[in-house]
Amino acid sequence: MSEAALRLSGIEKTYNRGKPSEVPVLRGAELALMAGEVVALVAPSGAGKSTLLHIAGLLDTADGGTVEIGGEDLTHRSDKRRTEVRRAEVGFVYQFHHLLPEFTALENITLPQLANGASAGAAAARAEDLLGRVGLAPRARHRPAELSGGEQQRVAFCRALANAPRLLLADEPTGNLDPATSDIVFEVLLGLVRETGLSALIATHNPALAARMDRTVTLQDGQLT
């Protein structure tokens, strides 16, 4: 059996633990995301999909259970080690692009690589390559305000893949776009993921988008099915 890019085992998360207002969100959630697999995460609003993605991406900690990325159990590792893995192995895409407005598209993709130790030349070359793959090479020197919503989100995809992660986590990545643009942008994202061979867990409310992925998992009552 091939190694799981991401393995969640028995993930528990409760907000306001020990208080009368405590809210159990995750109740023993289990998931194995294999190398090269693209999985849709479907959940009703408020079911905890963002919490699950944050725990999977080491942005939050679970109350119980384990998180493994590339076979390494990171549940109780130091903050330094979790940050190293998050920076090098995990890419994030959100509903809103969150690009830095004062920097160009090229610079927004270059900066994460510099933070990860890449040279300026290598970082710029990879940024240009990624922008070319999503059809934005002519827009490399434009700032976010000069780009359309779909273009901004494509730059955000490139930024998420800048450090060649093994795992992509996306939270409604086309949810802020009109249906026609959403379809185009999702096709770009799926193409990038397939091309680079990484694994992806993509939260979506759109059944048509979910159907284009390898399989769908549903988060309900704190568990994945």
C-alpha atoms as a PDB file:
ATOM      1  CA  MET A   1       0.000   0.000   0.000  1.00  0.00           C
ATOM      2  CA  SER A   2       1.317   3.473  -0.875  1.00  0.00           C
ATOM      3  CA  GLU A   3       2.007   5.980   1.864  1.00  0.00           C
ATOM      4  CA  ALA A   4      -0.787   8.361   2.819  1.00  0.00           C
ATOM      5  CA  ALA A   5      -0.005  12.005   2.136  1.00  0.00           C
ATOM      6  CA  LEU A   6      -2.382  12.849   4.994  1.00  0.00           C
ATOM      7  CA  ARG A   7      -3.786  10.588   7.688  1.00  0.00           C
ATOM      8  CA  LEU A   8      -6.226  11.790  10.337  1.00  0.00           C
ATOM      9  CA  SER A   9      -6.988   9.289  13.089  1.00  0.00           C
ATOM     10  CA  GLY A  10      -9.624   9.801  15.766  1.00  0.00           C
ATOM     11  CA  ILE A  11      -9.647  13.600  15.500  1.00  0.00           C
ATOM     12  CA  GLU A  12     -11.588  15.271  18.315  1.00  0.00           C
ATOM     13  CA  LYS A  13     -12.285  18.976  18.669  1.00  0.00           C
ATOM     14  CA  THR A  14     -14.598  20.755  21.096  1.00  0.00           C
ATOM     15  CA  TYR A  15     -14.892  24.497  21.545  1.00  0.00           C
ATOM     16  CA  ASN A  16     -15.380  25.920  25.061  1.00  0.00           C
ATOM     17  CA  ARG A  17     -14.385  22.591  26.587  1.00  0.00           C
ATOM     18  CA  GLY A  18     -15.565  22.107  30.149  1.00  0.00           C
ATOM     19  CA  LYS A  19     -18.034  24.992  29.957  1.00  0.00           C
ATOM     20  CA  PRO A  20     -21.832  24.806  29.768  1.00  0.00           C
ATOM     21  CA  SER A  21     -21.563  26.314  26.279  1.00  0.00           C
ATOM     22  CA  GLU A  22     -19.131  23.684  24.927  1.00  0.00           C
ATOM     23  CA  VAL A  23     -19.639  22.758  21.278  1.00  0.00           C
ATOM     24  CA  PRO A  24     -18.333  19.379  20.042  1.00  0.00           C
ATOM     25  CA  VAL A  25     -17.275  19.826  16.399  1.00  0.00           C
ATOM     26  CA  LEU A  26     -15.203  16.756  15.503  1.00  0.00           C
ATOM     27  CA  ARG A  27     -15.903  13.371  17.061  1.00  0.00           C
ATOM     28  CA  GLY A  28     -13.293  10.826  16.042  1.00  0.00           C
ATOM     29  CA  ALA A  29     -12.918  11.946  12.418  1.00  0.00           C
ATOM     30  CA  GLU A  30     -10.862   9.536  10.281  1.00  0.00           C
ATOM     31  CA  LEU A  31      -9.341  10.119   6.835  1.00  0.00           C
ATOM     32  CA  ALA A  32      -6.543   8.678   4.714  1.00  0.00           C
ATOM     33  CA  LEU A  33      -5.643  10.808   1.694  1.00  0.00           C
ATOM     34  CA  MET A  34      -3.319   8.861  -0.571  1.00  0.00           C
ATOM     35  CA  ALA A  35      -0.514  10.234  -2.708  1.00  0.00           C
ATOM     36  CA  GLY A  36      -1.873  11.818  -5.889  1.00  0.00           C
ATOM     37  CA  GLU A  37      -5.497  11.591  -4.738  1.00  0.00           C
ATOM     38  CA  VAL A  38      -7.956  14.478  -5.064  1.00  0.00           C
ATOM     39  CA  VAL A  39     -10.825  14.275  -2.572  1.00  0.00           C
ATOM     40  CA  ALA A  40     -13.896  16.480  -2.195  1.00  0.00           C
ATOM     41  CA  LEU A  41     -14.900  17.421   1.350  1.00  0.00           C
ATOM     42  CA  VAL A  42     -18.620  18.112   1.575  1.00  0.00           C
ATOM     43  CA  ALA A  43     -20.272  19.386   4.741  1.00  0.00           C
ATOM     44  CA  PRO A  44     -23.317  21.379   5.813  1.00  0.00           C
ATOM     45  CA  SER A  45     -22.605  24.932   6.941  1.00  0.00           C
ATOM     46  CA  GLY A  46     -21.248  24.972  10.478  1.00  0.00           C
ATOM     47  CA  ALA A  47     -20.335  21.274  10.445  1.00  0.00           C
ATOM     48  CA  GLY A  48     -16.639  21.990  11.062  1.00  0.00           C
ATOM     49  CA  LYS A  49     -14.975  21.619   7.667  1.00  0.00           C
ATOM     50  CA  SER A  50     -12.770  24.690   8.182  1.00  0.00           C
ATOM     51  CA  THR A  51     -11.769  23.360  11.608  1.00  0.00           C
ATOM     52  CA  LEU A  52     -10.906  20.011  10.062  1.00  0.00           C
ATOM     53  CA  LEU A  53      -8.803  21.657   7.333  1.00  0.00           C
ATOM     54  CA  HIS A  54      -6.979  23.827   9.883  1.00  0.00           C
ATOM     55  CA  ILE A  55      -6.139  20.786  12.008  1.00  0.00           C
ATOM     56  CA  ALA A  56      -5.043  18.810   8.928  1.00  0.00           C
ATOM     57  CA  GLY A  57      -2.812  21.704   7.871  1.00  0.00           C
ATOM     58  CA  LEU A  58      -1.301  22.174  11.346  1.00  0.00           C
ATOM     59  CA  LEU A  59      -2.848  25.616  11.793  1.00  0.00           C
ATOM     60  CA  ASP A  60      -4.851  24.352  14.776  1.00  0.00           C
ATOM     61  CA  THR A  61      -4.485  21.503  17.232  1.00  0.00           C
ATOM     62  CA  ALA A  62      -6.968  18.731  17.969  1.00  0.00           C
ATOM     63  CA  ASP A  63      -8.149  17.792  21.446  1.00  0.00           C
ATOM     64  CA  GLY A  64      -7.540  14.145  20.607  1.00  0.00           C
ATOM     65  CA  GLY A  65      -6.344  11.914  17.787  1.00  0.00           C
ATOM     66  CA  THR A  66      -3.318  12.116  15.495  1.00  0.00           C
ATOM     67  CA  VAL A  67      -2.312  13.993  12.342  1.00  0.00           C
ATOM     68  CA  GLU A  68       0.267  12.427  10.019  1.00  0.00           C
ATOM     69  CA  ILE A  69       1.691  14.106   6.925  1.00  0.00           C
ATOM     70  CA  GLY A  70       3.888  11.973   4.701  1.00  0.00           C
ATOM     71  CA  GLY A  71       3.970   9.281   7.373  1.00  0.00           C
ATOM     72  CA  GLU A  72       5.239  11.599  10.128  1.00  0.00           C
ATOM     73  CA  ASP A  73       3.076  11.938  13.224  1.00  0.00           C
ATOM     74  CA  LEU A  74       3.035  15.667  13.935  1.00  0.00           C
ATOM     75  CA  THR A  75       0.465  15.665  16.712  1.00  0.00           C
ATOM     76  CA  HIS A  76       2.870  16.349  19.552  1.00  0.00           C
ATOM     77  CA  ARG A  77       5.835  17.742  17.668  1.00  0.00           C
ATOM     78  CA  SER A  78       7.279  21.135  18.566  1.00  0.00           C
ATOM     79  CA  ASP A  79       5.803  24.333  17.135  1.00  0.00           C
ATOM     80  CA  LYS A  80       9.039  24.753  15.194  1.00  0.00           C
ATOM     81  CA  ARG A  81       8.728  21.364  13.512  1.00  0.00           C
ATOM     82  CA  ARG A  82       5.031  21.853  12.760  1.00  0.00           C
ATOM     83  CA  THR A  83       5.825  25.220  11.180  1.00  0.00           C
ATOM     84  CA  GLU A  84       8.603  23.672   9.070  1.00  0.00           C
ATOM     85  CA  VAL A  85       6.270  20.967   7.760  1.00  0.00           C
ATOM     86  CA  ARG A  86       3.403  23.383   7.178  1.00  0.00           C
ATOM     87  CA  ARG A  87       5.651  25.729   5.208  1.00  0.00           C
ATOM     88  CA  ALA A  88       7.316  23.047   3.077  1.00  0.00           C
ATOM     89  CA  GLU A  89       4.683  20.318   2.743  1.00  0.00           C
ATOM     90  CA  VAL A  90       1.268  22.009   2.833  1.00  0.00           C
ATOM     91  CA  GLY A  91      -0.356  24.511   0.490  1.00  0.00           C
ATOM     92  CA  PHE A  92      -3.534  26.402   1.407  1.00  0.00           C
ATOM     93  CA  VAL A  93      -6.198  27.998  -0.775  1.00  0.00           C
ATOM     94  CA  TYR A  94      -9.133  29.886   0.693  1.00  0.00           C
ATOM     95  CA  GLN A  95     -12.414  31.262  -0.652  1.00  0.00           C
ATOM     96  CA  PHE A  96     -10.833  34.721  -0.706  1.00  0.00           C
ATOM     97  CA  HIS A  97      -7.434  35.007  -2.341  1.00  0.00           C
ATOM     98  CA  HIS A  98      -5.663  36.882   0.518  1.00  0.00           C
ATOM     99  CA  LEU A  99      -2.946  38.160  -1.824  1.00  0.00           C
ATOM    100  CA  LEU A 100      -0.683  40.913  -0.501  1.00  0.00           C
ATOM    101  CA  PRO A 101      -2.028  44.024  -2.256  1.00  0.00           C
ATOM    102  CA  GLU A 102       1.253  45.944  -2.431  1.00  0.00           C
ATOM    103  CA  PHE A 103       3.063  43.137  -4.269  1.00  0.00           C
ATOM    104  CA  THR A 104       2.748  41.916  -7.845  1.00  0.00           C
ATOM    105  CA  ALA A 105       1.429  38.480  -8.792  1.00  0.00           C
ATOM    106  CA  LEU A 106       5.013  37.325  -9.301  1.00  0.00           C
ATOM    107  CA  GLU A 107       6.108  38.662  -5.912  1.00  0.00           C
ATOM    108  CA  ASN A 108       3.145  37.059  -4.119  1.00  0.00           C
ATOM    109  CA  ILE A 109       4.344  33.677  -5.392  1.00  0.00           C
ATOM    110  CA  THR A 110       8.020  34.402  -4.805  1.00  0.00           C
ATOM    111  CA  LEU A 111       7.739  35.450  -1.150  1.00  0.00           C
ATOM    112  CA  PRO A 112       6.742  32.038   0.323  1.00  0.00           C
ATOM    113  CA  GLN A 113       9.702  30.471  -1.455  1.00  0.00           C
ATOM    114  CA  LEU A 114      12.120  33.033  -0.030  1.00  0.00           C
ATOM    115  CA  ALA A 115      10.713  32.306   3.440  1.00  0.00           C
ATOM    116  CA  ASN A 116      11.407  28.624   2.787  1.00  0.00           C
ATOM    117  CA  GLY A 117      15.056  29.268   1.902  1.00  0.00           C
ATOM    118  CA  ALA A 118      14.951  29.468  -1.906  1.00  0.00           C
ATOM    119  CA  SER A 119      17.260  31.870  -3.735  1.00  0.00           C
ATOM    120  CA  ALA A 120      15.699  34.943  -5.346  1.00  0.00           C
ATOM    121  CA  GLY A 121      16.504  33.681  -8.823  1.00  0.00           C
ATOM    122  CA  ALA A 122      15.075  30.208  -8.288  1.00  0.00           C
ATOM    123  CA  ALA A 123      11.961  31.616  -6.595  1.00  0.00           C
ATOM    124  CA  ALA A 124      11.276  34.025  -9.455  1.00  0.00           C
ATOM    125  CA  ALA A 125      11.812  31.303 -12.060  1.00  0.00           C
ATOM    126  CA  ARG A 126       9.333  28.967 -10.341  1.00  0.00           C
ATOM    127  CA  ALA A 127       6.819  31.791  -9.942  1.00  0.00           C
ATOM    128  CA  GLU A 128       7.037  32.589 -13.644  1.00  0.00           C
ATOM    129  CA  ASP A 129       6.645  28.903 -14.512  1.00  0.00           C
ATOM    130  CA  LEU A 130       3.536  28.542 -12.342  1.00  0.00           C
ATOM    131  CA  LEU A 131       1.967  31.705 -13.744  1.00  0.00           C
ATOM    132  CA  GLY A 132       2.600  30.386 -17.233  1.00  0.00           C
ATOM    133  CA  ARG A 133       0.832  27.125 -16.396  1.00  0.00           C
ATOM    134  CA  VAL A 134      -2.333  28.987 -15.381  1.00  0.00           C
ATOM    135  CA  GLY A 135      -2.234  31.362 -18.333  1.00  0.00           C
ATOM    136  CA  LEU A 136      -1.152  34.447 -16.399  1.00  0.00           C
ATOM    137  CA  ALA A 137       2.390  35.018 -17.648  1.00  0.00           C
ATOM    138  CA  PRO A 138       1.394  38.401 -19.171  1.00  0.00           C
ATOM    139  CA  ARG A 139      -0.057  39.487 -15.803  1.00  0.00           C
ATOM    140  CA  ALA A 140       3.018  38.651 -13.698  1.00  0.00           C
ATOM    141  CA  ARG A 141       3.853  42.302 -12.947  1.00  0.00           C
ATOM    142  CA  HIS A 142       0.288  43.320 -12.087  1.00  0.00           C
ATOM    143  CA  ARG A 143      -0.865  43.891  -8.519  1.00  0.00           C
ATOM    144  CA  PRO A 144      -4.020  42.149  -7.221  1.00  0.00           C
ATOM    145  CA  ALA A 145      -6.193  45.258  -7.704  1.00  0.00           C
ATOM    146  CA  GLU A 146      -5.347  45.122 -11.408  1.00  0.00           C
ATOM    147  CA  LEU A 147      -6.520  41.505 -11.745  1.00  0.00           C
ATOM    148  CA  SER A 148     -10.008  40.035 -12.050  1.00  0.00           C
ATOM    149  CA  GLY A 149     -11.401  37.813  -9.297  1.00  0.00           C
ATOM    150  CA  GLY A 150     -10.653  34.680 -11.292  1.00  0.00           C
ATOM    151  CA  GLU A 151      -7.119  35.858 -12.013  1.00  0.00           C
ATOM    152  CA  GLN A 152      -6.513  36.660  -8.353  1.00  0.00           C
ATOM    153  CA  GLN A 153      -7.615  33.180  -7.344  1.00  0.00           C
ATOM    154  CA  ARG A 154      -5.353  31.597  -9.962  1.00  0.00           C
ATOM    155  CA  VAL A 155      -2.438  33.545  -8.469  1.00  0.00           C
ATOM    156  CA  ALA A 156      -3.496  32.214  -5.049  1.00  0.00           C
ATOM    157  CA  PHE A 157      -3.330  28.666  -6.443  1.00  0.00           C
ATOM    158  CA  CYS A 158       0.191  29.317  -7.701  1.00  0.00           C
ATOM    159  CA  ARG A 159       1.214  30.722  -4.330  1.00  0.00           C
ATOM    160  CA  ALA A 160      -0.147  27.600  -2.589  1.00  0.00           C
ATOM    161  CA  LEU A 161       2.004  25.423  -4.858  1.00  0.00           C
ATOM    162  CA  ALA A 162       5.083  27.652  -4.749  1.00  0.00           C
ATOM    163  CA  ASN A 163       7.068  25.420  -2.374  1.00  0.00           C
ATOM    164  CA  ALA A 164       6.070  22.203  -4.188  1.00  0.00           C
ATOM    165  CA  PRO A 165       4.050  20.802  -1.258  1.00  0.00           C
ATOM    166  CA  ARG A 166       2.878  17.206  -1.075  1.00  0.00           C
ATOM    167  CA  LEU A 167      -0.544  18.281   0.199  1.00  0.00           C
ATOM    168  CA  LEU A 168      -3.042  20.954  -0.899  1.00  0.00           C
ATOM    169  CA  LEU A 169      -5.906  21.977   1.385  1.00  0.00           C
ATOM    170  CA  ALA A 170      -8.573  24.180  -0.183  1.00  0.00           C
ATOM    171  CA  ASP A 171     -11.589  25.710   1.570  1.00  0.00           C
ATOM    172  CA  GLU A 172     -14.295  26.604  -0.983  1.00  0.00           C
ATOM    173  CA  PRO A 173     -11.621  27.811  -3.431  1.00  0.00           C
ATOM    174  CA  THR A 174     -14.150  29.004  -6.033  1.00  0.00           C
ATOM    175  CA  GLY A 175     -16.950  29.979  -3.647  1.00  0.00           C
ATOM    176  CA  ASN A 176     -16.435  33.715  -4.188  1.00  0.00           C
ATOM    177  CA  LEU A 177     -16.692  33.521  -7.989  1.00  0.00           C
ATOM    178  CA  ASP A 178     -19.644  33.532 -10.379  1.00  0.00           C
ATOM    179  CA  PRO A 179     -20.595  30.079 -11.753  1.00  0.00           C
ATOM    180  CA  ALA A 180     -18.933  30.492 -15.148  1.00  0.00           C
ATOM    181  CA  THR A 181     -15.665  31.804 -13.686  1.00  0.00           C
ATOM    182  CA  SER A 182     -15.815  29.193 -10.928  1.00  0.00           C
ATOM    183  CA  ASP A 183     -15.900  26.390 -13.481  1.00  0.00           C
ATOM    184  CA  ILE A 184     -12.936  27.797 -15.414  1.00  0.00           C
ATOM    185  CA  VAL A 185     -10.865  28.447 -12.306  1.00  0.00           C
ATOM    186  CA  PHE A 186     -11.613  25.024 -10.827  1.00  0.00           C
ATOM    187  CA  GLU A 187     -10.486  23.393 -14.073  1.00  0.00           C
ATOM    188  CA  VAL A 188      -7.202  25.303 -13.753  1.00  0.00           C
ATOM    189  CA  LEU A 189      -6.795  24.149 -10.140  1.00  0.00           C
ATOM    190  CA  LEU A 190      -7.573  20.529 -10.969  1.00  0.00           C
ATOM    191  CA  GLY A 191      -5.162  20.638 -13.890  1.00  0.00           C
ATOM    192  CA  LEU A 192      -2.386  21.998 -11.690  1.00  0.00           C
ATOM    193  CA  VAL A 193      -3.001  19.355  -9.034  1.00  0.00           C
ATOM    194  CA  ARG A 194      -3.000  16.515 -11.570  1.00  0.00           C
ATOM    195  CA  GLU A 195       0.063  17.906 -13.327  1.00  0.00           C
ATOM    196  CA  THR A 196       2.129  18.168 -10.157  1.00  0.00           C
ATOM    197  CA  GLY A 197       0.909  14.870  -8.665  1.00  0.00           C
ATOM    198  CA  LEU A 198       0.203  16.231  -5.211  1.00  0.00           C
ATOM    199  CA  SER A 199      -2.709  15.189  -2.999  1.00  0.00           C
ATOM    200  CA  ALA A 200      -5.615  17.540  -2.419  1.00  0.00           C
ATOM    201  CA  LEU A 201      -8.521  17.828   0.012  1.00  0.00           C
ATOM    202  CA  ILE A 202     -10.944  20.372  -1.413  1.00  0.00           C
ATOM    203  CA  ALA A 203     -14.000  21.582   0.497  1.00  0.00           C
ATOM    204  CA  THR A 204     -16.912  22.515  -1.739  1.00  0.00           C
ATOM    205  CA  HIS A 205     -20.690  22.923  -1.664  1.00  0.00           C
ATOM    206  CA  ASN A 206     -20.845  22.406  -5.429  1.00  0.00           C
ATOM    207  CA  PRO A 207     -21.854  18.815  -6.310  1.00  0.00           C
ATOM    208  CA  ALA A 208     -20.732  19.269  -9.928  1.00  0.00           C
ATOM    209  CA  LEU A 209     -17.207  20.149  -8.771  1.00  0.00           C
ATOM    210  CA  ALA A 210     -17.177  17.328  -6.222  1.00  0.00           C
ATOM    211  CA  ALA A 211     -18.106  14.848  -8.956  1.00  0.00           C
ATOM    212  CA  ARG A 212     -14.947  15.742 -10.884  1.00  0.00           C
ATOM    213  CA  MET A 213     -12.683  14.597  -8.036  1.00  0.00           C
ATOM    214  CA  ASP A 214     -11.569  11.043  -7.231  1.00  0.00           C
ATOM    215  CA  ARG A 215     -14.030  10.596  -4.379  1.00  0.00           C
ATOM    216  CA  THR A 216     -16.151  12.518  -1.908  1.00  0.00           C
ATOM    217  CA  VAL A 217     -16.106  12.411   1.897  1.00  0.00           C
ATOM    218  CA  THR A 218     -18.885  13.964   3.933  1.00  0.00           C
ATOM    219  CA  LEU A 219     -18.436  15.579   7.340  1.00  0.00           C
ATOM    220  CA  GLN A 220     -21.539  15.216   9.435  1.00  0.00           C
ATOM    221  CA  ASP A 221     -22.063  14.930  13.182  1.00  0.00           C
ATOM    222  CA  GLY A 222     -18.333  15.293  13.665  1.00  0.00           C
ATOM    223  CA  GLN A 223     -17.356  12.260  11.580  1.00  0.00           C
ATOM    224  CA  LEU A 224     -16.190  11.667   8.014  1.00  0.00           C
ATOM    225  CA  THR A 225     -18.025   9.143   5.854  1.00  0.00           C
END
